[in-house]
PDB file of all heavy atoms in Angstrom:
ATOM      1  N   MET A   1     -33.506  75.830  38.197  1.00  0.00           N
ATOM      2  CA  MET A   1     -33.753  76.897  37.209  1.00  0.00           C
ATOM      3  C   MET A   1     -33.314  76.335  35.839  1.00  0.00           C
ATOM      4  O   MET A   1     -32.257  75.714  35.692  1.00  0.00           O
ATOM      5  CB  MET A   1     -32.975  78.110  37.524  1.00  0.00           C
ATOM      6  CG  MET A   1     -33.314  78.752  38.852  1.00  0.00           C
ATOM      7  SD  MET A   1     -32.027  79.913  39.508  1.00  0.00           S
ATOM      8  CE  MET A   1     -31.890  81.070  38.143  1.00  0.00           C
ATOM      9  N   TYR A   2     -34.187  76.580  34.844  1.00  0.00           N
ATOM     10  CA  TYR A   2     -33.853  76.208  33.444  1.00  0.00           C
ATOM     11  C   TYR A   2     -33.831  77.454  32.625  1.00  0.00           C
ATOM     12  O   TYR A   2     -34.858  78.076  32.377  1.00  0.00           O
ATOM     13  CB  TYR A   2     -34.948  75.225  32.924  1.00  0.00           C
ATOM     14  CG  TYR A   2     -34.720  74.672  31.538  1.00  0.00           C
ATOM     15  CD1 TYR A   2     -34.097  73.450  31.362  1.00  0.00           C
ATOM     16  CD2 TYR A   2     -35.111  75.425  30.431  1.00  0.00           C
ATOM     17  CE1 TYR A   2     -33.895  72.930  30.072  1.00  0.00           C
ATOM     18  CE2 TYR A   2     -34.886  74.915  29.144  1.00  0.00           C
ATOM     19  CZ  TYR A   2     -34.314  73.646  28.997  1.00  0.00           C
ATOM     20  OH  TYR A   2     -34.088  73.164  27.728  1.00  0.00           O
ATOM     21  N   ARG A   3     -32.658  77.830  32.174  1.00  0.00           N
ATOM     22  CA  ARG A   3     -32.455  79.113  31.445  1.00  0.00           C
ATOM     23  C   ARG A   3     -32.157  78.830  29.976  1.00  0.00           C
ATOM     24  O   ARG A   3     -31.185  78.180  29.646  1.00  0.00           O
ATOM     25  CB  ARG A   3     -31.295  79.915  32.095  1.00  0.00           C
ATOM     26  CG  ARG A   3     -31.051  81.278  31.431  1.00  0.00           C
ATOM     27  CD  ARG A   3     -30.087  82.062  32.292  1.00  0.00           C
ATOM     28  NE  ARG A   3     -30.672  82.436  33.542  1.00  0.00           N
ATOM     29  CZ  ARG A   3     -29.942  82.852  34.582  1.00  0.00           C
ATOM     30  NH1 ARG A   3     -28.620  82.914  34.538  1.00  0.00           N
ATOM     31  NH2 ARG A   3     -30.546  83.182  35.721  1.00  0.00           N
ATOM     32  N   ALA A   4     -33.033  79.375  29.109  1.00  0.00           N
ATOM     33  CA  ALA A   4     -32.845  79.196  27.646  1.00  0.00           C
ATOM     34  C   ALA A   4     -33.608  80.271  26.912  1.00  0.00           C
ATOM     35  O   ALA A   4     -34.696  80.694  27.320  1.00  0.00           O
ATOM     36  CB  ALA A   4     -33.399  77.837  27.224  1.00  0.00           C
ATOM     37  N   ALA A   5     -33.005  80.799  25.849  1.00  0.00           N
ATOM     38  CA  ALA A   5     -33.627  81.797  24.949  1.00  0.00           C
ATOM     39  C   ALA A   5     -34.164  82.996  25.707  1.00  0.00           C
ATOM     40  O   ALA A   5     -35.288  83.443  25.422  1.00  0.00           O
ATOM     41  CB  ALA A   5     -34.728  81.117  24.163  1.00  0.00           C
ATOM     42  N   GLY A   6     -33.442  83.456  26.700  1.00  0.00           N
ATOM     43  CA  GLY A   6     -33.856  84.664  27.423  1.00  0.00           C
ATOM     44  C   GLY A   6     -34.943  84.420  28.482  1.00  0.00           C
ATOM     45  O   GLY A   6     -35.428  85.420  29.068  1.00  0.00           O
ATOM     46  N   VAL A   7     -35.297  83.176  28.755  1.00  0.00           N
ATOM     47  CA  VAL A   7     -36.316  82.880  29.736  1.00  0.00           C
ATOM     48  C   VAL A   7     -35.722  81.944  30.775  1.00  0.00           C
ATOM     49  O   VAL A   7     -35.015  81.008  30.420  1.00  0.00           O
ATOM     50  CB  VAL A   7     -37.560  82.204  29.058  1.00  0.00           C
ATOM     51  CG1 VAL A   7     -38.563  81.777  30.136  1.00  0.00           C
ATOM     52  CG2 VAL A   7     -38.196  83.191  28.057  1.00  0.00           C
ATOM     53  N   THR A   8     -36.035  82.209  32.046  1.00  0.00           N
ATOM     54  CA  THR A   8     -35.602  81.326  33.124  1.00  0.00           C
ATOM     55  C   THR A   8     -36.847  80.788  33.868  1.00  0.00           C
ATOM     56  O   THR A   8     -37.576  81.567  34.464  1.00  0.00           O
ATOM     57  CB  THR A   8     -34.676  82.027  34.120  1.00  0.00           C
ATOM     58  OG1 THR A   8     -33.579  82.605  33.420  1.00  0.00           O
ATOM     59  CG2 THR A   8     -34.176  81.034  35.163  1.00  0.00           C
ATOM     60  N   ALA A   9     -37.079  79.491  33.706  1.00  0.00           N
ATOM     61  CA  ALA A   9     -38.249  78.856  34.322  1.00  0.00           C
ATOM     62  C   ALA A   9     -37.813  77.956  35.459  1.00  0.00           C
ATOM     63  O   ALA A   9     -36.641  77.632  35.605  1.00  0.00           O
ATOM     64  CB  ALA A   9     -38.980  78.042  33.224  1.00  0.00           C
ATOM     65  N   ILE A  10     -38.795  77.609  36.316  1.00  0.00           N
ATOM     66  CA  ILE A  10     -38.515  76.639  37.371  1.00  0.00           C
ATOM     67  C   ILE A  10     -39.076  75.299  36.905  1.00  0.00           C
ATOM     68  O   ILE A  10     -40.225  75.157  36.500  1.00  0.00           O
ATOM     69  CB  ILE A  10     -39.230  77.034  38.673  1.00  0.00           C
ATOM     70  CG1 ILE A  10     -38.771  78.411  39.120  1.00  0.00           C
ATOM     71  CG2 ILE A  10     -38.989  76.001  39.761  1.00  0.00           C
ATOM     72  CD1 ILE A  10     -37.260  78.523  39.391  1.00  0.00           C
ATOM     73  N   MET A  11     -38.180  74.303  36.909  1.00  0.00           N
ATOM     74  CA  MET A  11     -38.523  72.937  36.510  1.00  0.00           C
ATOM     75  C   MET A  11     -38.339  71.997  37.688  1.00  0.00           C
ATOM     76  O   MET A  11     -37.629  72.324  38.641  1.00  0.00           O
ATOM     77  CB  MET A  11     -37.625  72.484  35.343  1.00  0.00           C
ATOM     78  CG  MET A  11     -37.576  73.456  34.157  1.00  0.00           C
ATOM     79  SD  MET A  11     -39.000  73.368  33.142  1.00  0.00           S
ATOM     80  CE  MET A  11     -38.697  71.852  32.224  1.00  0.00           C
ATOM     81  N   MET A  12     -38.956  70.852  37.579  1.00  0.00           N
ATOM     82  CA  MET A  12     -38.665  69.795  38.562  1.00  0.00           C
ATOM     83  C   MET A  12     -38.633  68.467  37.829  1.00  0.00           C
ATOM     84  O   MET A  12     -39.283  68.253  36.812  1.00  0.00           O
ATOM     85  CB  MET A  12     -39.695  69.732  39.697  1.00  0.00           C
ATOM     86  CG  MET A  12     -41.101  69.317  39.330  1.00  0.00           C
ATOM     87  SD  MET A  12     -42.163  69.319  40.804  1.00  0.00           S
ATOM     88  CE  MET A  12     -43.645  68.573  40.102  1.00  0.00           C
ATOM     89  N   GLY A  13     -37.801  67.544  38.364  1.00  0.00           N
ATOM     90  CA  GLY A  13     -37.663  66.246  37.766  1.00  0.00           C
ATOM     91  C   GLY A  13     -37.607  65.201  38.879  1.00  0.00           C
ATOM     92  O   GLY A  13     -37.166  65.445  39.950  1.00  0.00           O
ATOM     93  N   ARG A  14     -38.093  64.015  38.549  1.00  0.00           N
ATOM     94  CA  ARG A  14     -38.124  62.924  39.510  1.00  0.00           C
ATOM     95  C   ARG A  14     -36.756  62.279  39.684  1.00  0.00           C
ATOM     96  O   ARG A  14     -36.023  62.106  38.679  1.00  0.00           O
ATOM     97  CB  ARG A  14     -39.104  61.845  39.043  1.00  0.00           C
ATOM     98  CG  ARG A  14     -39.457  60.819  40.131  1.00  0.00           C
ATOM     99  CD  ARG A  14     -40.460  59.785  39.579  1.00  0.00           C
ATOM    100  NE  ARG A  14     -41.700  60.368  39.166  1.00  0.00           N
ATOM    101  CZ  ARG A  14     -42.763  60.583  39.955  1.00  0.00           C
ATOM    102  NH1 ARG A  14     -42.653  60.258  41.250  1.00  0.00           N
ATOM    103  NH2 ARG A  14     -43.859  61.108  39.492  1.00  0.00           N
ATOM    104  N   VAL A  15     -36.334  61.979  40.906  1.00  0.00           N
ATOM    105  CA  VAL A  15     -35.061  61.342  41.169  1.00  0.00           C
ATOM    106  C   VAL A  15     -35.303  59.833  41.197  1.00  0.00           C
ATOM    107  O   VAL A  15     -36.168  59.343  41.910  1.00  0.00           O
ATOM    108  CB  VAL A  15     -34.473  61.820  42.534  1.00  0.00           C
ATOM    109  CG1 VAL A  15     -33.172  61.100  42.806  1.00  0.00           C
ATOM    110  CG2 VAL A  15     -34.258  63.349  42.504  1.00  0.00           C
ATOM    111  N   ARG A  16     -34.544  59.141  40.375  1.00  0.00           N
ATOM    112  CA  ARG A  16     -34.731  57.691  40.268  1.00  0.00           C
ATOM    113  C   ARG A  16     -34.046  56.943  41.403  1.00  0.00           C
ATOM    114  O   ARG A  16     -33.279  57.510  42.208  1.00  0.00           O
ATOM    115  CB  ARG A  16     -34.213  57.234  38.901  1.00  0.00           C
ATOM    116  CG  ARG A  16     -35.013  57.846  37.749  1.00  0.00           C
ATOM    117  CD  ARG A  16     -34.590  57.383  36.378  1.00  0.00           C
ATOM    118  NE  ARG A  16     -33.295  57.866  35.959  1.00  0.00           N
ATOM    119  CZ  ARG A  16     -32.849  57.887  34.715  1.00  0.00           C
ATOM    120  NH1 ARG A  16     -33.653  57.430  33.749  1.00  0.00           N
ATOM    121  NH2 ARG A  16     -31.684  58.347  34.408  1.00  0.00           N
ATOM    122  N   ASP A  17     -34.267  55.645  41.481  1.00  0.00           N
ATOM    123  CA  ASP A  17     -33.738  54.842  42.577  1.00  0.00           C
ATOM    124  C   ASP A  17     -32.262  54.852  42.617  1.00  0.00           C
ATOM    125  O   ASP A  17     -31.621  54.707  43.713  1.00  0.00           O
ATOM    126  CB  ASP A  17     -34.250  53.400  42.492  1.00  0.00           C
ATOM    127  CG  ASP A  17     -35.746  53.260  42.752  1.00  0.00           C
ATOM    128  OD1 ASP A  17     -36.306  54.216  43.362  1.00  0.00           O
ATOM    129  OD2 ASP A  17     -36.344  52.287  42.320  1.00  0.00           O
ATOM    130  N   ASP A  18     -31.560  55.012  41.464  1.00  0.00           N
ATOM    131  CA  ASP A  18     -30.108  55.018  41.449  1.00  0.00           C
ATOM    132  C   ASP A  18     -29.545  56.427  41.709  1.00  0.00           C
ATOM    133  O   ASP A  18     -28.353  56.676  41.519  1.00  0.00           O
ATOM    134  CB  ASP A  18     -29.569  54.504  40.142  1.00  0.00           C
ATOM    135  CG  ASP A  18     -30.012  55.379  38.911  1.00  0.00           C
ATOM    136  OD1 ASP A  18     -30.731  56.394  39.130  1.00  0.00           O
ATOM    137  OD2 ASP A  18     -29.590  55.045  37.817  1.00  0.00           O
ATOM    138  N   GLU A  19     -30.418  57.355  42.171  1.00  0.00           N
ATOM    139  CA  GLU A  19     -30.087  58.784  42.501  1.00  0.00           C
ATOM    140  C   GLU A  19     -29.821  59.655  41.305  1.00  0.00           C
ATOM    141  O   GLU A  19     -29.415  60.805  41.447  1.00  0.00           O
ATOM    142  CB  GLU A  19     -28.894  58.822  43.475  1.00  0.00           C
ATOM    143  CG  GLU A  19     -29.165  58.140  44.836  1.00  0.00           C
ATOM    144  CD  GLU A  19     -28.074  58.365  45.834  1.00  0.00           C
ATOM    145  OE1 GLU A  19     -26.940  58.673  45.416  1.00  0.00           O
ATOM    146  OE2 GLU A  19     -28.323  58.220  47.030  1.00  0.00           O
ATOM    147  N   SER A  20     -30.042  59.134  40.109  1.00  0.00           N
ATOM    148  CA  SER A  20     -29.931  59.959  38.899  1.00  0.00           C
ATOM    149  C   SER A  20     -31.241  60.657  38.657  1.00  0.00           C
ATOM    150  O   SER A  20     -32.316  60.262  39.206  1.00  0.00           O
ATOM    151  CB  SER A  20     -29.540  59.113  37.716  1.00  0.00           C
ATOM    152  OG  SER A  20     -30.591  58.195  37.393  1.00  0.00           O
ATOM    153  N   LEU A  21     -31.214  61.741  37.845  1.00  0.00           N
ATOM    154  CA  LEU A  21     -32.446  62.464  37.533  1.00  0.00           C
ATOM    155  C   LEU A  21     -33.085  61.902  36.288  1.00  0.00           C
ATOM    156  O   LEU A  21     -32.372  61.486  35.364  1.00  0.00           O
ATOM    157  CB  LEU A  21     -32.096  63.945  37.316  1.00  0.00           C
ATOM    158  CG  LEU A  21     -33.326  64.933  37.273  1.00  0.00           C
ATOM    159  CD1 LEU A  21     -34.019  64.997  38.639  1.00  0.00           C
ATOM    160  CD2 LEU A  21     -32.862  66.296  36.847  1.00  0.00           C
ATOM    161  N   ALA A  22     -34.394  61.852  36.255  1.00  0.00           N
ATOM    162  CA  ALA A  22     -35.131  61.366  35.094  1.00  0.00           C
ATOM    163  C   ALA A  22     -34.717  62.184  33.844  1.00  0.00           C
ATOM    164  O   ALA A  22     -34.276  63.329  33.966  1.00  0.00           O
ATOM    165  CB  ALA A  22     -36.649  61.495  35.335  1.00  0.00           C
ATOM    166  N   PRO A  23     -34.876  61.652  32.660  1.00  0.00           N
ATOM    167  CA  PRO A  23     -34.435  62.376  31.440  1.00  0.00           C
ATOM    168  C   PRO A  23     -35.218  63.657  31.211  1.00  0.00           C
ATOM    169  O   PRO A  23     -36.337  63.847  31.739  1.00  0.00           O
ATOM    170  CB  PRO A  23     -34.679  61.366  30.332  1.00  0.00           C
ATOM    171  CG  PRO A  23     -35.699  60.413  30.889  1.00  0.00           C
ATOM    172  CD  PRO A  23     -35.413  60.305  32.349  1.00  0.00           C
ATOM    173  N   GLN A  24     -34.659  64.556  30.409  1.00  0.00           N
ATOM    174  CA  GLN A  24     -35.248  65.839  30.162  1.00  0.00           C
ATOM    175  C   GLN A  24     -36.660  65.804  29.670  1.00  0.00           C
ATOM    176  O   GLN A  24     -37.496  66.663  29.983  1.00  0.00           O
ATOM    177  CB  GLN A  24     -34.361  66.653  29.224  1.00  0.00           C
ATOM    178  CG  GLN A  24     -34.791  68.094  28.965  1.00  0.00           C
ATOM    179  CD  GLN A  24     -33.822  68.862  28.102  1.00  0.00           C
ATOM    180  OE1 GLN A  24     -32.723  68.391  27.790  1.00  0.00           O
ATOM    181  NE2 GLN A  24     -34.236  70.039  27.670  1.00  0.00           N
ATOM    182  N   SER A  25     -37.004  64.755  28.915  1.00  0.00           N
ATOM    183  CA  SER A  25     -38.336  64.627  28.367  1.00  0.00           C
ATOM    184  C   SER A  25     -39.398  64.485  29.453  1.00  0.00           C
ATOM    185  O   SER A  25     -40.603  64.698  29.201  1.00  0.00           O
ATOM    186  CB  SER A  25     -38.408  63.431  27.402  1.00  0.00           C
ATOM    187  OG  SER A  25     -38.047  62.229  28.091  1.00  0.00           O
ATOM    188  N   GLU A  26     -38.984  64.115  30.680  1.00  0.00           N
ATOM    189  CA  GLU A  26     -39.914  63.930  31.778  1.00  0.00           C
ATOM    190  C   GLU A  26     -39.884  65.095  32.766  1.00  0.00           C
ATOM    191  O   GLU A  26     -40.613  65.046  33.768  1.00  0.00           O
ATOM    192  CB  GLU A  26     -39.580  62.615  32.500  1.00  0.00           C
ATOM    193  CG  GLU A  26     -39.695  61.382  31.636  1.00  0.00           C
ATOM    194  CD  GLU A  26     -39.355  60.100  32.334  1.00  0.00           C
ATOM    195  OE1 GLU A  26     -39.362  60.099  33.597  1.00  0.00           O
ATOM    196  OE2 GLU A  26     -39.082  59.112  31.664  1.00  0.00           O
ATOM    197  N   TRP A  27     -39.080  66.117  32.535  1.00  0.00           N
ATOM    198  CA  TRP A  27     -39.075  67.262  33.432  1.00  0.00           C
ATOM    199  C   TRP A  27     -40.384  68.016  33.312  1.00  0.00           C
ATOM    200  O   TRP A  27     -41.030  68.058  32.265  1.00  0.00           O
ATOM    201  CB  TRP A  27     -37.909  68.173  33.126  1.00  0.00           C
ATOM    202  CG  TRP A  27     -36.565  67.547  33.311  1.00  0.00           C
ATOM    203  CD1 TRP A  27     -36.299  66.315  33.889  1.00  0.00           C
ATOM    204  CD2 TRP A  27     -35.302  68.093  32.896  1.00  0.00           C
ATOM    205  NE1 TRP A  27     -34.941  66.073  33.864  1.00  0.00           N
ATOM    206  CE2 TRP A  27     -34.300  67.115  33.272  1.00  0.00           C
ATOM    207  CE3 TRP A  27     -34.911  69.230  32.239  1.00  0.00           C
ATOM    208  CZ2 TRP A  27     -32.940  67.303  32.983  1.00  0.00           C
ATOM    209  CZ3 TRP A  27     -33.564  69.431  31.989  1.00  0.00           C
ATOM    210  CH2 TRP A  27     -32.601  68.495  32.383  1.00  0.00           C
TER     211      TRP A  27
END
């Protein structure tokens, strides 16, 4: 869930090989 400015949206992001999440610009 991505909650901002009174709106809660569903987002998804790719998990990279090092188990970190891709940067916000790619969500």
